[in-house]
N, C-alpha and C. Protein backbone atom coordinates (compact mmCIF):
# COMPACT_ATOMS: atom_id res chain seq x y z
N MET A 1 138.98 102.25 47.70
CA MET A 1 138.00 103.27 47.72
C MET A 1 136.67 102.62 47.11
N ALA A 2 136.83 101.66 46.15
CA ALA A 2 135.69 100.95 45.54
C ALA A 2 134.93 100.18 46.55
N SER A 3 135.75 99.48 47.49
CA SER A 3 134.97 98.69 48.49
C SER A 3 134.15 99.69 49.38
N LEU A 4 134.69 100.95 49.73
CA LEU A 4 133.96 101.81 50.43
C LEU A 4 132.72 102.32 49.82
N LEU A 5 132.66 102.47 48.61
CA LEU A 5 131.50 102.96 47.93
C LEU A 5 130.47 101.88 47.80
N GLU A 6 130.83 100.70 47.57
CA GLU A 6 130.01 99.40 47.53
C GLU A 6 129.57 99.06 48.76
N GLY A 7 130.19 99.42 49.96
CA GLY A 7 129.83 98.99 51.31
C GLY A 7 130.54 97.80 51.64
N GLU A 8 130.84 97.61 53.01
CA GLU A 8 131.59 96.51 53.59
C GLU A 8 130.58 95.72 54.44
N ASN A 9 130.21 94.48 54.13
CA ASN A 9 129.00 93.89 54.71
C ASN A 9 129.49 93.26 56.01
N ASP A 10 130.85 93.01 56.10
CA ASP A 10 131.29 92.20 57.18
C ASP A 10 131.52 93.01 58.56
N SER A 11 131.53 94.23 58.48
CA SER A 11 131.79 95.08 59.62
C SER A 11 131.64 96.49 59.27
N SER A 12 131.45 97.24 60.38
CA SER A 12 131.28 98.69 60.14
C SER A 12 132.53 99.36 59.80
N LEU A 13 132.43 100.54 59.17
CA LEU A 13 133.76 101.24 58.84
C LEU A 13 134.23 101.99 60.02
N THR A 14 135.57 102.15 60.10
CA THR A 14 136.00 102.94 61.14
C THR A 14 136.82 104.16 60.52
N ARG A 15 137.26 105.02 61.60
CA ARG A 15 137.80 106.33 61.13
C ARG A 15 139.09 105.97 60.32
N ILE A 16 139.75 105.04 60.64
CA ILE A 16 141.08 104.68 60.05
C ILE A 16 140.70 104.11 58.50
N THR A 17 139.51 103.52 58.44
CA THR A 17 139.20 102.96 57.10
C THR A 17 138.93 103.95 56.07
N ILE A 18 138.31 105.00 56.48
CA ILE A 18 137.89 106.20 55.40
C ILE A 18 138.90 107.18 55.42
N ALA A 19 139.94 107.18 56.24
CA ALA A 19 140.93 108.40 56.31
C ALA A 19 141.52 108.60 54.94
N GLY A 20 141.75 107.64 54.19
CA GLY A 20 142.41 107.74 52.90
C GLY A 20 141.63 108.56 51.93
N LEU A 21 140.40 108.66 52.11
CA LEU A 21 139.52 109.43 51.20
C LEU A 21 139.82 110.95 51.16
N PHE A 22 140.30 111.51 52.27
CA PHE A 22 140.18 112.90 52.51
C PHE A 22 141.63 113.55 52.59
N LEU A 23 141.60 114.79 51.98
CA LEU A 23 142.76 115.72 52.18
C LEU A 23 142.31 116.95 53.11
N SER A 24 143.22 117.52 53.73
CA SER A 24 142.79 118.53 54.71
C SER A 24 142.37 119.66 53.84
N ALA A 25 141.70 120.73 54.50
CA ALA A 25 141.30 121.84 53.81
C ALA A 25 142.54 122.69 53.26
N THR A 26 143.61 122.75 54.02
CA THR A 26 144.71 123.54 53.30
C THR A 26 145.45 122.91 52.21
N GLU A 27 145.36 121.52 52.36
CA GLU A 27 145.85 120.73 51.24
C GLU A 27 145.05 120.89 49.84
N LEU A 28 143.72 120.93 50.08
CA LEU A 28 142.92 121.10 48.98
C LEU A 28 142.99 122.44 48.42
N LYS A 29 143.11 123.48 49.37
CA LYS A 29 143.27 124.87 48.77
C LYS A 29 144.64 124.94 47.98
N GLU A 30 145.65 124.38 48.43
CA GLU A 30 146.97 124.45 47.86
C GLU A 30 146.84 123.97 46.41
N ALA A 31 145.98 122.94 46.15
CA ALA A 31 145.78 122.36 44.92
C ALA A 31 144.82 123.08 43.99
N GLY A 32 144.18 124.17 44.54
CA GLY A 32 143.37 124.96 43.79
C GLY A 32 141.87 124.87 44.08
N VAL A 33 141.58 124.03 45.11
CA VAL A 33 140.14 123.90 45.48
C VAL A 33 139.68 125.13 46.25
N LYS A 34 138.55 125.65 45.95
CA LYS A 34 137.92 126.77 46.58
C LYS A 34 136.96 126.34 47.57
N PHE A 35 136.64 127.16 48.58
CA PHE A 35 135.80 126.94 49.71
C PHE A 35 134.76 128.14 49.77
N GLU A 36 133.54 127.70 49.95
CA GLU A 36 132.49 128.63 50.10
C GLU A 36 131.35 128.33 51.04
N VAL A 37 130.78 129.13 51.75
CA VAL A 37 129.85 128.81 52.63
C VAL A 37 128.43 128.64 51.81
N LYS A 38 127.85 127.52 51.98
CA LYS A 38 126.51 127.32 51.21
C LYS A 38 125.40 127.97 51.84
N LYS A 39 124.99 129.07 51.19
CA LYS A 39 123.89 129.94 51.78
C LYS A 39 122.56 129.41 51.59
N ALA A 40 121.64 129.82 52.43
CA ALA A 40 120.26 129.43 52.38
C ALA A 40 120.08 127.85 52.41
N SER A 41 121.05 127.26 53.04
CA SER A 41 120.87 125.75 53.10
C SER A 41 120.02 125.41 54.25
N GLN A 42 119.12 124.43 54.13
CA GLN A 42 118.13 124.04 55.10
C GLN A 42 118.71 123.00 55.87
N CYS A 43 119.84 122.37 55.50
CA CYS A 43 120.42 121.02 56.12
C CYS A 43 121.79 121.35 56.38
N LEU A 44 122.24 121.09 57.65
CA LEU A 44 123.69 121.33 57.95
C LEU A 44 124.63 120.32 57.23
N LEU A 45 124.04 119.09 56.88
CA LEU A 45 124.76 117.96 56.37
C LEU A 45 124.95 118.08 54.80
N ASP A 46 124.45 119.08 54.16
CA ASP A 46 124.38 119.27 52.83
C ASP A 46 125.63 119.95 52.13
N LEU A 47 126.48 119.11 51.89
CA LEU A 47 127.80 119.57 51.07
C LEU A 47 127.53 119.50 49.77
N GLN A 48 128.18 120.40 48.93
CA GLN A 48 128.05 120.47 47.51
C GLN A 48 129.33 120.77 46.80
N LEU A 49 129.64 120.08 45.65
CA LEU A 49 130.78 120.31 44.91
C LEU A 49 130.41 120.81 43.60
N SER A 50 130.70 121.99 43.24
CA SER A 50 130.52 122.47 41.80
C SER A 50 131.93 122.93 41.13
N GLY A 51 132.20 122.06 40.22
CA GLY A 51 133.65 122.26 39.63
C GLY A 51 134.60 122.00 40.68
N HIS A 52 135.52 122.89 40.98
CA HIS A 52 136.45 122.74 41.99
C HIS A 52 136.19 123.64 43.26
N THR A 53 134.84 124.09 43.53
CA THR A 53 134.45 124.82 44.56
C THR A 53 133.60 123.86 45.47
N LEU A 54 134.03 123.78 46.79
CA LEU A 54 133.32 122.93 47.82
C LEU A 54 132.47 123.73 48.69
N ARG A 55 131.22 123.71 48.54
CA ARG A 55 130.26 124.50 49.45
C ARG A 55 129.77 123.73 50.65
N ILE A 56 130.00 124.36 51.80
CA ILE A 56 129.66 123.69 53.10
C ILE A 56 128.76 124.62 53.85
N PRO A 57 127.76 124.16 54.50
CA PRO A 57 126.82 124.98 55.35
C PRO A 57 127.56 125.68 56.38
N PHE A 58 127.03 126.78 56.97
CA PHE A 58 127.57 127.47 57.96
C PHE A 58 127.49 126.65 59.27
N PHE A 59 128.47 126.71 60.07
CA PHE A 59 128.59 125.93 61.42
C PHE A 59 129.05 126.85 62.46
N ARG A 60 128.46 127.06 63.54
CA ARG A 60 128.93 127.93 64.65
C ARG A 60 129.45 127.06 65.69
N VAL A 61 130.63 127.29 66.24
CA VAL A 61 131.35 126.54 67.21
C VAL A 61 131.24 127.42 68.45
N GLU A 62 130.56 126.92 69.60
CA GLU A 62 130.67 127.55 70.82
C GLU A 62 130.86 126.61 71.98
N ASP A 63 130.83 127.07 73.09
CA ASP A 63 131.28 126.32 74.38
C ASP A 63 130.41 124.98 74.45
N ILE A 64 129.18 125.08 74.17
CA ILE A 64 128.27 123.89 74.30
C ILE A 64 128.18 122.96 73.05
N THR A 65 128.91 123.41 72.06
CA THR A 65 128.82 122.58 70.79
C THR A 65 129.32 121.11 70.97
N GLU A 66 130.36 120.87 71.51
CA GLU A 66 130.88 119.58 71.66
C GLU A 66 130.02 118.68 72.43
N VAL A 67 129.31 119.22 73.64
CA VAL A 67 128.52 118.41 74.40
C VAL A 67 127.25 117.98 73.54
N ILE A 68 126.62 119.01 72.85
CA ILE A 68 125.49 118.70 72.07
C ILE A 68 125.83 117.72 70.93
N VAL A 69 126.90 117.86 70.27
CA VAL A 69 127.30 116.98 69.13
C VAL A 69 127.41 115.51 69.73
N ARG A 70 128.21 115.39 70.91
CA ARG A 70 128.47 114.14 71.43
C ARG A 70 127.17 113.39 71.88
N ASN A 71 126.26 114.12 72.45
CA ASN A 71 124.96 113.46 72.72
C ASN A 71 124.23 113.02 71.48
N LEU A 72 124.23 113.82 70.46
CA LEU A 72 123.56 113.50 69.25
C LEU A 72 124.21 112.31 68.60
N LEU A 73 125.59 112.29 68.55
CA LEU A 73 126.25 111.09 68.03
C LEU A 73 125.98 109.84 68.86
N ALA A 74 125.95 109.86 70.21
CA ALA A 74 125.67 108.78 71.13
C ALA A 74 124.25 108.21 70.71
N PHE A 75 123.24 109.14 70.53
CA PHE A 75 121.88 108.69 70.25
C PHE A 75 121.79 108.02 68.89
N GLU A 76 122.55 108.59 67.85
CA GLU A 76 122.56 107.98 66.60
C GLU A 76 123.32 106.56 66.65
N GLN A 77 124.37 106.48 67.21
CA GLN A 77 125.12 105.21 67.42
C GLN A 77 124.21 104.19 67.99
N CYS A 78 123.51 104.56 68.91
CA CYS A 78 122.65 103.58 69.79
C CYS A 78 121.41 103.15 69.15
N HIS A 79 120.68 104.23 68.58
CA HIS A 79 119.24 104.07 68.08
C HIS A 79 119.14 103.93 66.63
N CYS A 80 120.13 104.40 65.84
CA CYS A 80 120.01 104.31 64.31
C CYS A 80 121.17 103.42 63.84
N ILE A 81 121.15 102.22 64.13
CA ILE A 81 122.21 101.26 63.99
C ILE A 81 122.54 101.25 62.57
N ASN A 82 121.77 101.43 61.57
CA ASN A 82 122.10 101.27 60.21
C ASN A 82 122.35 102.71 59.52
N GLU A 83 122.25 103.77 60.25
CA GLU A 83 122.42 105.04 59.65
C GLU A 83 123.59 105.70 60.42
N SER A 84 124.15 106.73 59.85
CA SER A 84 125.27 107.47 60.42
C SER A 84 125.34 108.89 59.84
N TYR A 85 124.24 109.45 59.64
CA TYR A 85 124.23 110.85 58.98
C TYR A 85 125.10 111.87 59.61
N LEU A 86 125.03 112.03 61.02
CA LEU A 86 125.79 113.04 61.74
C LEU A 86 127.21 112.60 61.78
N ALA A 87 127.40 111.34 62.10
CA ALA A 87 128.73 110.73 62.22
C ALA A 87 129.45 110.91 60.96
N ASP A 88 128.78 110.72 59.74
CA ASP A 88 129.49 110.89 58.51
C ASP A 88 129.88 112.36 58.40
N TYR A 89 129.02 113.28 58.62
CA TYR A 89 129.32 114.79 58.53
C TYR A 89 130.42 115.15 59.40
N ILE A 90 130.42 114.61 60.67
CA ILE A 90 131.47 115.03 61.53
C ILE A 90 132.76 114.41 61.09
N ALA A 91 132.83 113.23 60.54
CA ALA A 91 133.88 112.64 59.89
C ALA A 91 134.60 113.54 58.85
N VAL A 92 133.66 114.09 58.03
CA VAL A 92 134.16 115.01 56.92
C VAL A 92 134.91 116.18 57.43
N LEU A 93 134.23 116.83 58.59
CA LEU A 93 134.81 117.97 59.16
C LEU A 93 136.15 117.58 59.71
N ASP A 94 136.12 116.43 60.40
CA ASP A 94 137.35 115.92 61.09
C ASP A 94 138.54 115.84 60.19
N PHE A 95 138.39 115.29 58.96
CA PHE A 95 139.44 115.08 58.14
C PHE A 95 139.77 116.37 57.24
N LEU A 96 138.77 117.29 57.12
CA LEU A 96 139.11 118.55 56.53
C LEU A 96 139.94 119.46 57.45
N ILE A 97 139.82 119.24 58.76
CA ILE A 97 140.45 120.03 59.89
C ILE A 97 141.51 119.30 60.62
N ASN A 98 142.62 119.47 60.38
CA ASN A 98 143.76 118.76 61.06
C ASN A 98 144.45 119.72 61.91
N THR A 99 144.53 121.04 61.47
CA THR A 99 145.32 122.00 62.39
C THR A 99 144.53 123.27 62.43
N ASP A 100 145.18 124.30 63.04
CA ASP A 100 144.43 125.43 63.27
C ASP A 100 144.55 126.29 62.03
N LYS A 101 145.39 125.88 60.99
CA LYS A 101 145.37 126.60 59.83
C LYS A 101 144.11 126.23 58.84
N ASP A 102 143.77 125.02 59.08
CA ASP A 102 142.47 124.47 58.43
C ASP A 102 141.21 125.25 58.85
N VAL A 103 141.17 125.39 60.25
CA VAL A 103 140.12 126.07 60.94
C VAL A 103 140.18 127.52 60.41
N ASP A 104 141.30 128.31 60.39
CA ASP A 104 141.43 129.52 59.99
C ASP A 104 140.91 129.80 58.43
N LEU A 105 141.17 128.73 57.65
CA LEU A 105 140.83 128.82 56.31
C LEU A 105 139.21 128.79 56.09
N LEU A 106 138.62 127.92 56.92
CA LEU A 106 137.24 127.74 56.96
C LEU A 106 136.51 128.95 57.62
N ILE A 107 137.17 129.64 58.52
CA ILE A 107 136.63 130.76 59.17
C ILE A 107 136.69 131.89 58.15
N LYS A 108 137.77 132.02 57.45
CA LYS A 108 138.00 133.05 56.41
C LYS A 108 136.95 133.09 55.31
N ASN A 109 136.45 131.82 54.99
CA ASN A 109 135.42 131.61 53.92
C ASN A 109 134.07 131.70 54.56
N GLY A 110 133.98 131.95 55.76
CA GLY A 110 132.63 132.15 56.39
C GLY A 110 131.91 130.79 56.75
N ILE A 111 132.56 129.69 56.63
CA ILE A 111 131.91 128.41 56.84
C ILE A 111 131.98 128.05 58.30
N ILE A 112 132.89 128.43 59.17
CA ILE A 112 132.91 128.25 60.58
C ILE A 112 132.91 129.64 61.22
N GLU A 113 132.13 129.71 62.19
CA GLU A 113 132.08 130.88 63.16
C GLU A 113 132.57 130.40 64.54
N ASN A 114 133.88 130.95 64.85
CA ASN A 114 134.54 130.38 66.23
C ASN A 114 134.20 131.25 67.17
N TRP A 115 133.39 130.76 68.20
CA TRP A 115 133.02 131.48 69.47
C TRP A 115 133.96 130.92 70.58
N LEU A 116 134.84 130.10 70.37
CA LEU A 116 135.86 129.58 71.36
C LEU A 116 137.05 130.49 71.44
N GLY A 117 137.37 131.22 70.38
CA GLY A 117 138.32 132.20 70.32
C GLY A 117 139.76 131.65 70.12
N ASP A 118 139.78 130.36 69.89
CA ASP A 118 141.13 129.53 69.73
C ASP A 118 140.89 128.58 68.59
N SER A 119 141.60 128.69 67.59
CA SER A 119 141.49 127.79 66.36
C SER A 119 142.03 126.36 66.60
N ASN A 120 142.99 126.38 67.46
CA ASN A 120 143.43 125.09 67.88
C ASN A 120 142.41 124.23 68.71
N ALA A 121 141.66 124.87 69.51
CA ALA A 121 140.64 124.28 70.25
C ALA A 121 139.53 123.63 69.32
N VAL A 122 139.16 124.48 68.29
CA VAL A 122 138.22 124.05 67.35
C VAL A 122 138.73 122.73 66.60
N ALA A 123 139.96 122.79 66.29
CA ALA A 123 140.59 121.57 65.41
C ALA A 123 140.60 120.36 66.47
N LYS A 124 140.96 120.61 67.68
CA LYS A 124 140.99 119.50 68.68
C LYS A 124 139.56 118.89 68.83
N MET A 125 138.65 119.73 68.85
CA MET A 125 137.32 119.38 69.15
C MET A 125 136.73 118.43 68.00
N PHE A 126 136.90 118.87 66.70
CA PHE A 126 136.50 118.02 65.67
C PHE A 126 137.33 116.68 65.60
N ASN A 127 138.63 116.70 65.84
CA ASN A 127 139.45 115.59 65.73
C ASN A 127 139.08 114.61 66.82
N ASP A 128 138.71 115.06 68.11
CA ASP A 128 138.28 114.12 69.24
C ASP A 128 136.85 113.63 68.99
N LEU A 129 135.95 114.39 68.31
CA LEU A 129 134.67 113.90 68.06
C LEU A 129 134.71 112.80 67.09
N GLY A 130 135.64 112.58 66.30
CA GLY A 130 135.73 111.58 65.34
C GLY A 130 136.30 110.23 65.78
N VAL A 131 136.83 110.27 66.98
CA VAL A 131 137.41 109.07 67.64
C VAL A 131 136.48 108.03 68.10
N ASN A 132 136.65 106.72 67.76
CA ASN A 132 135.81 105.54 68.29
C ASN A 132 134.34 105.70 67.66
N ILE A 133 134.20 106.31 66.55
CA ILE A 133 132.87 106.34 65.89
C ILE A 133 132.82 105.32 64.77
N MET A 134 131.70 104.49 64.78
CA MET A 134 131.68 103.47 63.75
C MET A 134 130.64 104.07 62.57
N TYR A 135 130.95 103.69 61.43
CA TYR A 135 130.18 104.07 60.19
C TYR A 135 129.62 102.90 59.51
N PRO A 136 128.31 102.56 59.83
CA PRO A 136 127.68 101.41 59.14
C PRO A 136 127.73 101.42 57.70
N ASP A 137 127.55 102.61 57.00
CA ASP A 137 127.40 102.70 55.49
C ASP A 137 127.77 104.09 55.28
N PHE A 138 129.06 104.38 55.12
CA PHE A 138 129.53 105.76 54.99
C PHE A 138 128.80 106.35 53.70
N ASN A 139 128.45 107.68 54.04
CA ASN A 139 127.68 108.50 53.00
C ASN A 139 128.16 108.47 51.56
N VAL A 140 127.46 107.89 50.72
CA VAL A 140 128.07 107.72 49.22
C VAL A 140 128.25 108.94 48.62
N GLN A 141 127.31 110.00 48.99
CA GLN A 141 127.56 111.41 48.27
C GLN A 141 128.84 112.02 48.79
N TYR A 142 129.13 111.87 50.04
CA TYR A 142 130.38 112.44 50.52
C TYR A 142 131.57 111.79 49.80
N SER A 143 131.43 110.48 49.62
CA SER A 143 132.55 109.62 49.15
C SER A 143 132.88 110.08 47.62
N LEU A 144 131.63 110.30 46.88
CA LEU A 144 131.80 110.72 45.51
C LEU A 144 132.40 112.12 45.44
N ILE A 145 132.03 113.00 46.33
CA ILE A 145 132.61 114.46 46.28
C ILE A 145 134.01 114.35 46.53
N PHE A 146 134.62 113.59 47.48
CA PHE A 146 135.91 113.50 47.74
C PHE A 146 136.76 112.64 46.77
N GLN A 147 136.13 111.74 45.96
CA GLN A 147 136.67 111.06 44.96
C GLN A 147 137.05 112.11 43.79
N ARG A 148 135.99 113.06 43.57
CA ARG A 148 136.25 114.12 42.61
C ARG A 148 137.34 115.04 42.98
N LEU A 149 137.30 115.46 44.23
CA LEU A 149 138.26 116.33 44.78
C LEU A 149 139.77 115.70 44.68
N ASN A 150 139.80 114.48 45.04
CA ASN A 150 141.09 113.81 44.85
C ASN A 150 141.66 113.63 43.51
N ALA A 151 140.70 113.37 42.45
CA ALA A 151 141.03 113.42 41.20
C ALA A 151 141.54 114.77 40.66
N PHE A 152 140.84 115.74 41.09
CA PHE A 152 141.19 117.07 40.76
C PHE A 152 142.68 117.44 41.34
N CYS A 153 142.90 117.03 42.59
CA CYS A 153 144.14 117.37 43.20
C CYS A 153 145.36 116.50 42.53
N ALA A 154 145.07 115.32 42.10
CA ALA A 154 146.12 114.39 41.56
C ALA A 154 146.45 114.77 40.08
N ARG A 155 145.72 115.71 39.46
CA ARG A 155 146.19 116.20 38.07
C ARG A 155 147.50 116.73 38.19
N PRO A 156 148.49 116.38 37.27
CA PRO A 156 149.81 116.85 37.33
C PRO A 156 150.11 118.34 37.58
N TRP A 157 149.29 119.15 36.76
CA TRP A 157 149.43 120.52 36.88
C TRP A 157 149.02 121.01 38.26
N ASN A 158 147.89 120.57 38.68
CA ASN A 158 147.39 120.92 40.05
C ASN A 158 148.36 120.57 41.13
N LYS A 159 149.06 119.32 40.98
CA LYS A 159 150.03 118.84 42.03
C LYS A 159 151.25 119.78 41.98
N LYS A 160 151.66 120.21 40.72
CA LYS A 160 152.86 121.19 40.70
C LYS A 160 152.47 122.46 41.26
N VAL A 161 151.27 123.06 41.06
CA VAL A 161 150.86 124.28 41.75
C VAL A 161 150.90 124.19 43.20
N ALA A 162 150.38 123.05 43.71
CA ALA A 162 150.30 122.82 45.22
C ALA A 162 151.65 122.70 45.74
N THR A 163 152.53 122.17 45.11
CA THR A 163 153.99 122.08 45.50
C THR A 163 154.60 123.39 45.57
N LEU A 164 154.31 124.22 44.46
CA LEU A 164 154.87 125.59 44.41
C LEU A 164 154.37 126.45 45.63
N ARG A 165 153.01 126.39 45.79
CA ARG A 165 152.43 127.13 46.97
C ARG A 165 152.98 126.77 48.26
N ARG A 166 153.11 125.38 48.53
CA ARG A 166 153.61 124.82 49.79
C ARG A 166 155.05 125.22 49.94
N ASP A 167 155.86 125.16 48.90
CA ASP A 167 157.32 125.30 49.15
C ASP A 167 157.84 126.82 49.00
N TYR A 168 157.11 127.47 48.18
CA TYR A 168 157.64 128.85 47.91
C TYR A 168 156.75 130.01 48.21
N CYS A 169 155.53 129.74 48.44
CA CYS A 169 154.47 130.80 48.65
C CYS A 169 153.72 130.63 49.98
N ASN A 170 154.15 129.99 50.95
CA ASN A 170 153.36 129.67 52.15
C ASN A 170 153.59 130.83 53.12
N THR A 171 154.54 131.70 53.02
CA THR A 171 154.57 132.84 53.83
C THR A 171 154.87 134.05 52.83
N PRO A 172 154.54 135.35 53.41
CA PRO A 172 154.72 136.54 52.60
C PRO A 172 156.21 136.75 52.17
N TRP A 173 157.05 136.34 53.07
CA TRP A 173 158.50 136.67 52.79
C TRP A 173 159.06 135.64 51.69
N LYS A 174 158.47 134.33 51.75
CA LYS A 174 158.98 133.46 50.72
C LYS A 174 158.31 133.72 49.40
N MET A 175 157.20 134.23 49.37
CA MET A 175 156.44 134.84 48.09
C MET A 175 157.33 135.91 47.52
N VAL A 176 157.60 136.78 48.33
CA VAL A 176 158.40 138.00 47.77
C VAL A 176 159.75 137.50 47.25
N ALA A 177 160.35 136.68 47.98
CA ALA A 177 161.72 136.22 47.72
C ALA A 177 161.57 135.36 46.21
N SER A 178 160.43 134.59 46.16
CA SER A 178 160.32 133.94 44.91
C SER A 178 160.05 134.71 43.66
N ILE A 179 159.25 135.73 43.97
CA ILE A 179 159.01 136.79 42.86
C ILE A 179 160.24 137.59 42.45
N ALA A 180 161.03 137.88 43.44
CA ALA A 180 162.23 138.61 43.23
C ALA A 180 163.24 137.68 42.50
N GLY A 181 163.28 136.43 42.78
CA GLY A 181 164.07 135.50 42.14
C GLY A 181 163.69 135.32 40.67
N ILE A 182 162.43 135.28 40.41
CA ILE A 182 161.93 135.08 39.09
C ILE A 182 162.33 136.27 38.24
N PHE A 183 162.09 137.52 38.93
CA PHE A 183 162.41 138.69 38.23
C PHE A 183 163.94 138.78 37.82
N LEU A 184 164.76 138.41 38.85
CA LEU A 184 166.13 138.53 38.45
C LEU A 184 166.53 137.53 37.44
N LEU A 185 165.82 136.27 37.35
CA LEU A 185 166.03 135.36 36.25
C LEU A 185 165.67 135.93 34.87
N VAL A 186 164.62 136.49 34.85
CA VAL A 186 164.18 137.15 33.61
C VAL A 186 165.07 138.23 33.06
N LEU A 187 165.53 139.01 34.06
CA LEU A 187 166.41 140.10 33.74
C LEU A 187 167.75 139.54 33.15
N THR A 188 168.26 138.52 33.86
CA THR A 188 169.51 137.78 33.36
C THR A 188 169.30 137.28 31.97
N VAL A 189 168.17 136.60 31.66
CA VAL A 189 167.92 136.03 30.35
C VAL A 189 167.94 137.13 29.32
N VAL A 190 167.28 138.30 29.67
CA VAL A 190 167.17 139.37 28.69
C VAL A 190 168.52 139.94 28.40
N GLN A 191 169.27 140.08 29.55
CA GLN A 191 170.64 140.62 29.44
C GLN A 191 171.43 139.75 28.53
N THR A 192 171.29 138.43 28.70
CA THR A 192 172.08 137.39 27.96
C THR A 192 171.81 137.56 26.44
N VAL A 193 170.57 137.60 26.11
CA VAL A 193 170.03 137.60 24.83
C VAL A 193 170.52 138.99 24.12
N PHE A 194 170.54 140.12 24.82
CA PHE A 194 170.93 141.45 24.23
C PHE A 194 172.60 141.29 24.03
N SER A 195 173.33 140.53 24.98
CA SER A 195 174.64 140.47 24.67
C SER A 195 174.97 139.65 23.48
N ILE A 196 174.09 138.55 23.31
CA ILE A 196 174.37 137.72 22.17
C ILE A 196 174.23 138.46 20.89
N LEU A 197 173.09 139.20 20.87
CA LEU A 197 172.64 140.02 19.68
C LEU A 197 173.82 141.07 19.38
N GLN A 198 174.33 141.74 20.42
CA GLN A 198 175.32 142.80 20.11
C GLN A 198 176.61 142.02 19.56
N GLY A 199 176.86 140.91 20.07
CA GLY A 199 178.05 140.15 19.52
C GLY A 199 177.89 139.82 18.10
N VAL A 200 176.82 139.40 17.81
CA VAL A 200 176.40 139.05 16.23
C VAL A 200 176.63 140.22 15.49
N HIS A 201 176.09 141.31 15.81
CA HIS A 201 176.22 142.56 15.01
C HIS A 201 177.62 143.22 15.10
């Protein structure tokens, strides 16, 4: 990661090179990261991290979005050889979005407006946009944001919370079953304590 922040002079960065920086939106949420739409933002590329809240400007996805973005990426790659503002931003969305669940999470938080009607189609679009793109000097601000997010997610307590949410609370039925199990465990402990106290007296 240090080499990424310092820049690699011998070659441009690829999608695989920077992949290790990012967790998906659902993985971040499981660890306690919150997502909010960045209101009144004048720039689509302006991501902001406050505490453990990641703010992302509003993005509408419609039928023509992929064509427009591909043309802008092609222009940037051909004529802005040392800059990759849009490519960096698309890379961030690409890594945040792996599945339809990631898309649904961003929709729920008002960050993405889906006019395609299919969350899988949105996920595929962003994943396809990130293929074969070169990053001459990946955005340092984005790198630092995700360094901080990764450090937050790597804290032992946050990792345990993420594991609990993933394994025991990822569906309503599992959550109910987990709560019921905890409740029964507490009742068992209380009953045991009372039995011991009665035996003593």
